[in-house]
């Protein structure tokens, strides 16, 4: 009788591991090796989470391109508070010139500022998605604080 390192129900080859699924995790199928693959639609996979009272939206597109977006603050109109508006807009300009190449600040006509960041993942696993989300949050935290200190109002 020979002993096997794997129980009879677990495939022993790496190829077999990547073809099997542990089940679904939100919009993903989880392989036995931890790899995530989109389940269902062929387009980008979208998911979201809440942080600091805001909704962070994420999108995983082709080529493991991951993009995060958050409604950061609303810049006051001149009629509301002219001085604070100027300070907040200067903070937005500083943010845009901040040196982080993958971070962009987009100001809408309604004066809502969105922060967006993207990166390409080496592999698509739950650990890498959580690590990327953590990097995004750590990156934007000082900008949110600066914008709020300069008179921008957090969005609801």
N, C-alpha and C. Protein backbone atom coordinates (compact mmCIF):
# COMPACT_ATOMS: atom_id res chain seq x y z
N UNK A 1 0.85 -1.18 0.00
CA UNK A 1 0.00 0.00 0.00
C UNK A 1 0.89 1.24 0.00
N UNK A 2 0.61 2.20 -0.88
CA UNK A 2 1.40 3.42 -0.95
C UNK A 2 0.62 4.56 -0.32
N UNK A 3 1.35 5.42 0.34
CA UNK A 3 0.72 6.58 0.99
C UNK A 3 0.79 7.77 0.05
N UNK A 4 -0.24 8.59 0.03
CA UNK A 4 -0.29 9.78 -0.81
C UNK A 4 -0.25 11.01 0.09
N UNK A 5 0.41 12.06 -0.41
CA UNK A 5 0.49 13.31 0.35
C UNK A 5 -0.82 14.08 0.27
N UNK A 6 -1.68 13.70 -0.67
CA UNK A 6 -2.94 14.41 -0.85
C UNK A 6 -4.10 13.48 -0.53
N UNK A 7 -5.13 13.98 0.12
CA UNK A 7 -6.33 13.16 0.30
C UNK A 7 -6.91 12.83 -1.07
N UNK A 8 -7.68 11.76 -1.20
CA UNK A 8 -8.21 11.35 -2.49
C UNK A 8 -9.05 12.42 -3.18
N UNK A 9 -9.69 13.31 -2.46
CA UNK A 9 -10.57 14.31 -3.07
C UNK A 9 -9.83 15.56 -3.56
N UNK A 10 -8.54 15.70 -3.24
CA UNK A 10 -7.79 16.89 -3.63
C UNK A 10 -6.88 16.54 -4.79
N UNK A 11 -6.96 17.27 -5.92
CA UNK A 11 -6.09 16.99 -7.05
C UNK A 11 -4.64 17.23 -6.68
N UNK A 12 -3.73 16.43 -7.25
CA UNK A 12 -2.33 16.53 -6.87
C UNK A 12 -1.50 17.38 -7.81
N UNK A 13 -2.00 17.78 -8.95
CA UNK A 13 -1.19 18.58 -9.87
C UNK A 13 -1.58 20.05 -9.78
N UNK A 14 -0.61 20.96 -10.00
CA UNK A 14 -0.92 22.39 -9.96
C UNK A 14 -1.95 22.79 -11.01
N UNK A 15 -1.92 22.14 -12.18
CA UNK A 15 -2.89 22.45 -13.22
C UNK A 15 -4.29 22.12 -12.74
N UNK A 16 -4.44 20.99 -12.09
CA UNK A 16 -5.75 20.60 -11.58
C UNK A 16 -6.21 21.56 -10.49
N UNK A 17 -5.28 22.09 -9.69
CA UNK A 17 -5.65 23.05 -8.64
C UNK A 17 -6.25 24.31 -9.22
N UNK A 18 -5.66 24.82 -10.32
CA UNK A 18 -6.14 26.08 -10.87
C UNK A 18 -7.47 25.92 -11.60
N UNK A 19 -7.85 24.69 -11.94
CA UNK A 19 -9.10 24.46 -12.66
C UNK A 19 -10.28 24.26 -11.72
N UNK A 20 -10.05 23.95 -10.48
CA UNK A 20 -11.12 23.69 -9.53
C UNK A 20 -11.50 24.98 -8.82
N UNK A 21 -12.67 25.00 -8.26
CA UNK A 21 -13.16 26.20 -7.59
C UNK A 21 -13.60 25.87 -6.17
N UNK A 22 -13.28 26.77 -5.24
CA UNK A 22 -13.77 26.64 -3.88
C UNK A 22 -15.19 27.19 -3.74
N UNK A 23 -15.57 28.05 -4.66
CA UNK A 23 -16.89 28.66 -4.61
C UNK A 23 -16.82 30.11 -5.01
N UNK A 24 -17.87 30.84 -4.68
CA UNK A 24 -17.96 32.26 -5.05
C UNK A 24 -17.63 33.14 -3.86
N UNK A 25 -17.01 34.28 -4.15
CA UNK A 25 -16.76 35.34 -3.19
C UNK A 25 -17.20 36.63 -3.88
N UNK A 26 -18.41 37.08 -3.59
CA UNK A 26 -18.94 38.24 -4.28
C UNK A 26 -18.99 37.97 -5.77
N UNK A 27 -18.37 38.84 -6.58
CA UNK A 27 -18.42 38.65 -8.04
C UNK A 27 -17.32 37.72 -8.57
N UNK A 28 -16.62 37.00 -7.69
CA UNK A 28 -15.49 36.17 -8.09
C UNK A 28 -15.73 34.69 -7.83
N UNK A 29 -15.10 33.86 -8.64
CA UNK A 29 -14.94 32.44 -8.36
C UNK A 29 -13.56 32.32 -7.72
N UNK A 30 -13.45 31.53 -6.64
CA UNK A 30 -12.19 31.37 -5.94
C UNK A 30 -11.64 29.98 -6.26
N UNK A 31 -10.44 29.94 -6.85
CA UNK A 31 -9.79 28.68 -7.16
C UNK A 31 -9.16 28.08 -5.92
N UNK A 32 -8.83 26.80 -5.97
CA UNK A 32 -8.19 26.15 -4.83
C UNK A 32 -6.84 26.78 -4.50
N UNK A 33 -6.21 27.40 -5.50
CA UNK A 33 -4.92 28.06 -5.27
C UNK A 33 -5.08 29.49 -4.78
N UNK A 34 -6.33 29.95 -4.57
CA UNK A 34 -6.58 31.31 -4.07
C UNK A 34 -6.79 32.33 -5.16
N UNK A 35 -6.59 31.95 -6.42
CA UNK A 35 -6.76 32.88 -7.53
C UNK A 35 -8.24 33.23 -7.70
N UNK A 36 -8.50 34.48 -7.99
CA UNK A 36 -9.86 34.96 -8.23
C UNK A 36 -10.06 35.14 -9.72
N UNK A 37 -11.21 34.77 -10.19
CA UNK A 37 -11.56 35.02 -11.58
C UNK A 37 -13.01 35.51 -11.61
N UNK A 38 -13.31 36.40 -12.57
CA UNK A 38 -14.67 36.93 -12.63
C UNK A 38 -15.67 35.81 -12.85
N UNK A 39 -16.79 35.88 -12.17
CA UNK A 39 -17.86 34.92 -12.42
C UNK A 39 -19.01 35.66 -13.07
N UNK A 40 -19.53 35.12 -14.13
CA UNK A 40 -20.66 35.75 -14.79
C UNK A 40 -20.24 36.60 -15.97
N UNK A 41 -20.54 37.89 -15.92
CA UNK A 41 -20.36 38.80 -17.05
C UNK A 41 -18.91 38.88 -17.51
N UNK A 42 -18.74 39.17 -18.79
CA UNK A 42 -17.40 39.24 -19.37
C UNK A 42 -16.71 40.59 -19.11
N UNK A 43 -17.45 41.60 -18.70
CA UNK A 43 -16.87 42.92 -18.49
C UNK A 43 -16.09 43.01 -17.20
N UNK A 44 -15.69 44.21 -16.81
CA UNK A 44 -14.94 44.38 -15.56
C UNK A 44 -15.78 43.97 -14.35
N UNK A 45 -15.09 43.53 -13.32
CA UNK A 45 -15.75 43.15 -12.07
C UNK A 45 -15.75 44.37 -11.17
N UNK A 46 -16.91 44.71 -10.63
CA UNK A 46 -17.04 45.87 -9.75
C UNK A 46 -17.46 45.41 -8.37
N UNK A 47 -16.88 46.08 -7.37
CA UNK A 47 -17.27 45.82 -5.98
C UNK A 47 -17.03 47.10 -5.21
N UNK A 48 -17.55 47.17 -3.99
CA UNK A 48 -17.45 48.40 -3.20
C UNK A 48 -17.33 48.04 -1.73
N UNK A 49 -16.84 49.03 -0.96
CA UNK A 49 -16.80 48.89 0.49
C UNK A 49 -16.89 50.29 1.09
N UNK A 50 -17.27 50.35 2.35
CA UNK A 50 -17.41 51.63 3.03
C UNK A 50 -16.15 51.91 3.84
N UNK A 51 -15.73 53.17 3.83
CA UNK A 51 -14.60 53.60 4.63
C UNK A 51 -14.77 55.07 4.97
N UNK A 52 -14.64 55.38 6.23
CA UNK A 52 -14.72 56.74 6.74
C UNK A 52 -16.01 57.44 6.32
N UNK A 53 -17.09 56.68 6.33
CA UNK A 53 -18.39 57.23 5.97
C UNK A 53 -18.59 57.45 4.48
N UNK A 54 -17.70 56.93 3.67
CA UNK A 54 -17.77 57.10 2.22
C UNK A 54 -17.79 55.73 1.55
N UNK A 55 -18.29 55.71 0.34
CA UNK A 55 -18.33 54.48 -0.46
C UNK A 55 -17.11 54.46 -1.38
N UNK A 56 -16.29 53.45 -1.24
CA UNK A 56 -15.14 53.26 -2.12
C UNK A 56 -15.58 52.27 -3.20
N UNK A 57 -15.46 52.67 -4.45
CA UNK A 57 -15.82 51.80 -5.56
C UNK A 57 -14.54 51.26 -6.17
N UNK A 58 -14.58 49.98 -6.52
CA UNK A 58 -13.43 49.33 -7.13
C UNK A 58 -13.87 48.63 -8.40
N UNK A 59 -12.94 48.57 -9.34
CA UNK A 59 -13.22 47.91 -10.61
C UNK A 59 -11.97 47.17 -11.03
N UNK A 60 -12.12 45.88 -11.30
CA UNK A 60 -11.03 45.05 -11.77
C UNK A 60 -11.29 44.75 -13.24
N UNK A 61 -10.43 45.30 -14.09
CA UNK A 61 -10.62 45.17 -15.53
C UNK A 61 -9.64 44.20 -16.16
N UNK A 62 -9.62 44.19 -17.47
CA UNK A 62 -8.72 43.29 -18.20
C UNK A 62 -7.26 43.54 -17.82
N UNK A 63 -6.46 42.50 -17.86
CA UNK A 63 -5.04 42.63 -17.54
C UNK A 63 -4.79 42.89 -16.07
N UNK A 64 -5.74 42.53 -15.20
CA UNK A 64 -5.61 42.72 -13.75
C UNK A 64 -5.45 44.20 -13.39
N UNK A 65 -6.03 45.09 -14.20
CA UNK A 65 -5.99 46.53 -13.93
C UNK A 65 -7.05 46.85 -12.88
N UNK A 66 -6.62 47.33 -11.71
CA UNK A 66 -7.51 47.61 -10.59
C UNK A 66 -7.61 49.12 -10.40
N UNK A 67 -8.86 49.61 -10.29
CA UNK A 67 -9.08 51.05 -10.12
C UNK A 67 -10.00 51.27 -8.92
N UNK A 68 -9.60 52.21 -8.05
CA UNK A 68 -10.40 52.61 -6.90
C UNK A 68 -10.86 54.04 -7.10
N UNK A 69 -12.05 54.36 -6.60
CA UNK A 69 -12.60 55.69 -6.71
C UNK A 69 -13.42 55.99 -5.46
N UNK A 70 -13.33 57.24 -4.98
CA UNK A 70 -14.08 57.65 -3.79
C UNK A 70 -14.54 59.09 -3.96
N UNK A 71 -15.79 59.36 -3.58
CA UNK A 71 -16.27 60.75 -3.50
C UNK A 71 -15.66 61.31 -2.22
N UNK A 72 -14.73 62.22 -2.37
CA UNK A 72 -13.96 62.69 -1.22
C UNK A 72 -14.67 63.81 -0.47
N UNK A 73 -14.85 64.94 -1.13
CA UNK A 73 -15.42 66.12 -0.48
C UNK A 73 -16.18 66.96 -1.50
N UNK A 74 -16.96 67.90 -0.98
CA UNK A 74 -17.61 68.90 -1.82
C UNK A 74 -16.95 70.23 -1.51
N UNK A 75 -16.48 70.89 -2.56
CA UNK A 75 -15.84 72.19 -2.41
C UNK A 75 -16.96 73.23 -2.33
N UNK A 76 -16.91 74.13 -1.31
CA UNK A 76 -17.99 75.11 -1.16
C UNK A 76 -18.06 76.08 -2.34
N UNK A 77 -19.28 76.53 -2.66
CA UNK A 77 -19.47 77.58 -3.67
C UNK A 77 -19.01 78.91 -3.09
N UNK A 78 -18.69 79.86 -3.97
CA UNK A 78 -18.25 81.19 -3.54
C UNK A 78 -19.31 81.85 -2.66
N UNK A 79 -20.58 81.71 -3.03
CA UNK A 79 -21.66 82.33 -2.26
C UNK A 79 -21.76 81.74 -0.86
N UNK A 80 -21.34 80.51 -0.69
CA UNK A 80 -21.39 79.88 0.63
C UNK A 80 -20.27 80.40 1.52
N UNK A 81 -19.05 80.28 1.04
CA UNK A 81 -17.88 80.73 1.81
C UNK A 81 -16.71 80.95 0.86
N UNK A 82 -16.53 82.17 0.42
CA UNK A 82 -15.52 82.49 -0.59
C UNK A 82 -14.10 82.15 -0.12
N UNK A 83 -13.76 82.50 1.11
CA UNK A 83 -12.41 82.24 1.61
C UNK A 83 -12.09 80.75 1.72
N UNK A 84 -13.03 80.02 2.25
CA UNK A 84 -12.82 78.57 2.40
C UNK A 84 -12.81 77.87 1.04
N UNK A 85 -13.58 78.41 0.09
CA UNK A 85 -13.58 77.83 -1.26
C UNK A 85 -12.20 77.97 -1.88
N UNK A 86 -11.61 79.15 -1.76
CA UNK A 86 -10.28 79.38 -2.33
C UNK A 86 -9.26 78.45 -1.69
N UNK A 87 -9.29 78.31 -0.38
CA UNK A 87 -8.36 77.41 0.31
C UNK A 87 -8.55 75.96 -0.15
N UNK A 88 -9.80 75.56 -0.29
CA UNK A 88 -10.07 74.19 -0.71
C UNK A 88 -9.60 73.94 -2.14
N UNK A 89 -9.81 74.91 -3.03
CA UNK A 89 -9.35 74.75 -4.41
C UNK A 89 -7.82 74.72 -4.49
N UNK A 90 -7.15 75.50 -3.65
CA UNK A 90 -5.69 75.43 -3.60
C UNK A 90 -5.22 74.05 -3.11
N UNK A 91 -5.96 73.48 -2.18
CA UNK A 91 -5.64 72.13 -1.71
C UNK A 91 -5.84 71.11 -2.83
N UNK A 92 -6.88 71.31 -3.66
CA UNK A 92 -7.10 70.42 -4.81
C UNK A 92 -5.93 70.52 -5.78
N UNK A 93 -5.47 71.74 -6.04
CA UNK A 93 -4.32 71.92 -6.94
C UNK A 93 -3.07 71.25 -6.36
N UNK A 94 -2.87 71.37 -5.07
CA UNK A 94 -1.74 70.71 -4.42
C UNK A 94 -1.84 69.20 -4.55
N UNK A 95 -3.05 68.70 -4.42
CA UNK A 95 -3.28 67.27 -4.57
C UNK A 95 -2.91 66.81 -5.97
N UNK A 96 -3.34 67.57 -6.97
CA UNK A 96 -3.05 67.19 -8.37
C UNK A 96 -1.55 67.23 -8.65
N UNK A 97 -0.83 68.09 -7.96
CA UNK A 97 0.62 68.20 -8.18
C UNK A 97 1.40 67.38 -7.16
N UNK A 98 0.73 66.53 -6.41
CA UNK A 98 1.34 65.80 -5.30
C UNK A 98 2.41 64.79 -5.64
N UNK A 99 2.53 64.40 -6.88
CA UNK A 99 3.61 63.50 -7.25
C UNK A 99 3.23 62.03 -7.29
N UNK A 100 2.04 61.66 -6.89
CA UNK A 100 1.61 60.25 -6.99
C UNK A 100 1.04 60.06 -8.40
N UNK A 101 1.77 59.37 -9.28
CA UNK A 101 1.36 59.31 -10.68
C UNK A 101 0.05 58.58 -10.93
N UNK A 102 -0.33 57.66 -10.08
CA UNK A 102 -1.54 56.88 -10.30
C UNK A 102 -2.77 57.45 -9.59
N UNK A 103 -2.60 58.59 -8.91
CA UNK A 103 -3.70 59.23 -8.20
C UNK A 103 -4.16 60.46 -8.97
N UNK A 104 -5.47 60.53 -9.22
CA UNK A 104 -6.01 61.70 -9.91
C UNK A 104 -7.13 62.29 -9.06
N UNK A 105 -7.32 63.59 -9.20
CA UNK A 105 -8.40 64.31 -8.54
C UNK A 105 -9.28 64.90 -9.63
N UNK A 106 -10.57 64.60 -9.57
CA UNK A 106 -11.51 65.07 -10.57
C UNK A 106 -12.58 65.90 -9.86
N UNK A 107 -12.72 67.15 -10.28
CA UNK A 107 -13.71 68.05 -9.69
C UNK A 107 -14.90 68.14 -10.64
N UNK A 108 -16.08 67.75 -10.16
CA UNK A 108 -17.29 67.75 -11.00
C UNK A 108 -17.90 69.14 -11.06
N UNK A 109 -18.82 69.38 -12.01
CA UNK A 109 -19.51 70.68 -12.06
C UNK A 109 -20.30 70.98 -10.78
N UNK A 110 -20.68 69.92 -10.04
CA UNK A 110 -21.40 70.11 -8.77
C UNK A 110 -20.44 70.32 -7.61
N UNK A 111 -19.16 70.50 -7.91
CA UNK A 111 -18.11 70.77 -6.92
C UNK A 111 -17.81 69.58 -6.02
N UNK A 112 -18.09 68.39 -6.48
CA UNK A 112 -17.71 67.19 -5.74
C UNK A 112 -16.37 66.70 -6.28
N UNK A 113 -15.48 66.42 -5.35
CA UNK A 113 -14.15 65.96 -5.72
C UNK A 113 -14.09 64.44 -5.56
N UNK A 114 -13.67 63.77 -6.63
CA UNK A 114 -13.45 62.32 -6.60
C UNK A 114 -11.95 62.09 -6.66
N UNK A 115 -11.49 61.15 -5.83
CA UNK A 115 -10.11 60.71 -5.90
C UNK A 115 -10.11 59.33 -6.56
N UNK A 116 -9.24 59.16 -7.55
CA UNK A 116 -9.17 57.90 -8.27
C UNK A 116 -7.72 57.43 -8.32
N UNK A 117 -7.53 56.13 -8.21
CA UNK A 117 -6.19 55.54 -8.20
C UNK A 117 -6.24 54.20 -8.89
N UNK A 118 -5.20 53.87 -9.62
CA UNK A 118 -5.17 52.57 -10.28
C UNK A 118 -3.80 51.95 -10.22
N UNK A 119 -3.80 50.62 -10.31
CA UNK A 119 -2.56 49.86 -10.36
C UNK A 119 -2.85 48.53 -11.05
N UNK A 120 -1.80 47.88 -11.50
CA UNK A 120 -1.92 46.57 -12.11
C UNK A 120 -1.46 45.54 -11.10
N UNK A 121 -2.31 44.56 -10.82
CA UNK A 121 -1.98 43.52 -9.86
C UNK A 121 -1.07 42.47 -10.50
N UNK A 122 -0.14 41.94 -9.72
CA UNK A 122 0.70 40.85 -10.21
C UNK A 122 -0.11 39.58 -10.37
N UNK A 123 -1.02 39.35 -9.46
CA UNK A 123 -1.92 38.19 -9.50
C UNK A 123 -3.23 38.62 -8.87
N UNK A 124 -4.28 37.97 -9.25
CA UNK A 124 -5.59 38.32 -8.71
C UNK A 124 -5.94 37.34 -7.60
N UNK A 125 -5.66 37.76 -6.37
CA UNK A 125 -6.02 36.98 -5.19
C UNK A 125 -6.71 37.92 -4.20
N UNK A 126 -7.44 37.34 -3.26
CA UNK A 126 -8.11 38.15 -2.25
C UNK A 126 -7.09 38.96 -1.45
N UNK A 127 -5.96 38.36 -1.14
CA UNK A 127 -4.92 39.06 -0.37
C UNK A 127 -4.42 40.28 -1.12
N UNK A 128 -4.19 40.14 -2.41
CA UNK A 128 -3.70 41.28 -3.20
C UNK A 128 -4.75 42.37 -3.35
N UNK A 129 -6.03 41.99 -3.45
CA UNK A 129 -7.10 42.99 -3.52
C UNK A 129 -7.19 43.78 -2.22
N UNK A 130 -7.13 43.09 -1.10
CA UNK A 130 -7.19 43.77 0.20
C UNK A 130 -5.96 44.65 0.40
N UNK A 131 -4.80 44.17 0.00
CA UNK A 131 -3.57 44.97 0.12
C UNK A 131 -3.66 46.23 -0.73
N UNK A 132 -4.18 46.11 -1.95
CA UNK A 132 -4.33 47.28 -2.83
C UNK A 132 -5.33 48.27 -2.23
N UNK A 133 -6.43 47.78 -1.69
CA UNK A 133 -7.42 48.66 -1.06
C UNK A 133 -6.79 49.40 0.12
N UNK A 134 -5.97 48.70 0.89
CA UNK A 134 -5.28 49.32 2.03
C UNK A 134 -4.31 50.39 1.55
N UNK A 135 -3.56 50.12 0.48
CA UNK A 135 -2.64 51.13 -0.06
C UNK A 135 -3.42 52.38 -0.50
N UNK A 136 -4.56 52.18 -1.14
CA UNK A 136 -5.38 53.30 -1.58
C UNK A 136 -5.82 54.15 -0.40
N UNK A 137 -6.33 53.51 0.63
CA UNK A 137 -6.80 54.23 1.82
C UNK A 137 -5.66 54.98 2.49
N UNK A 138 -4.51 54.34 2.64
CA UNK A 138 -3.36 55.01 3.26
C UNK A 138 -2.88 56.18 2.41
N UNK A 139 -2.98 56.05 1.10
CA UNK A 139 -2.54 57.11 0.20
C UNK A 139 -3.45 58.33 0.28
N UNK A 140 -4.76 58.13 0.33
CA UNK A 140 -5.67 59.28 0.26
C UNK A 140 -6.00 59.89 1.61
N UNK A 141 -5.72 59.21 2.70
CA UNK A 141 -6.05 59.72 4.03
C UNK A 141 -5.52 61.14 4.27
N UNK A 142 -4.23 61.41 4.01
CA UNK A 142 -3.73 62.78 4.26
C UNK A 142 -4.41 63.82 3.37
N UNK A 143 -4.76 63.44 2.13
CA UNK A 143 -5.42 64.38 1.23
C UNK A 143 -6.83 64.71 1.74
N UNK A 144 -7.56 63.70 2.21
CA UNK A 144 -8.90 63.96 2.74
C UNK A 144 -8.82 64.89 3.95
N UNK A 145 -7.87 64.63 4.82
CA UNK A 145 -7.69 65.47 6.00
C UNK A 145 -7.38 66.91 5.61
N UNK A 146 -6.45 67.09 4.66
CA UNK A 146 -6.08 68.44 4.18
C UNK A 146 -7.28 69.15 3.57
N UNK A 147 -8.01 68.46 2.71
CA UNK A 147 -9.18 69.08 2.07
C UNK A 147 -10.21 69.51 3.10
N UNK A 148 -10.47 68.65 4.08
CA UNK A 148 -11.44 69.00 5.11
C UNK A 148 -10.95 70.15 5.98
N UNK A 149 -9.64 70.19 6.28
CA UNK A 149 -9.09 71.31 7.06
C UNK A 149 -9.19 72.63 6.30
N UNK A 150 -9.17 72.56 4.98
CA UNK A 150 -9.21 73.77 4.15
C UNK A 150 -10.63 74.18 3.77
N UNK A 151 -11.63 73.53 4.36
CA UNK A 151 -12.99 73.99 4.18
C UNK A 151 -13.86 73.18 3.26
N UNK A 152 -13.32 72.13 2.67
CA UNK A 152 -14.16 71.27 1.85
C UNK A 152 -15.04 70.44 2.79
N UNK A 153 -16.25 70.17 2.37
CA UNK A 153 -17.23 69.47 3.21
C UNK A 153 -17.26 67.99 2.81
N UNK A 154 -17.15 67.08 3.78
CA UNK A 154 -17.25 65.66 3.42
C UNK A 154 -18.58 65.36 2.75
N UNK A 155 -18.57 64.50 1.75
CA UNK A 155 -19.81 64.14 1.07
C UNK A 155 -20.56 63.12 1.89
N UNK A 156 -21.87 63.10 1.70
CA UNK A 156 -22.72 62.15 2.46
C UNK A 156 -22.72 60.79 1.81
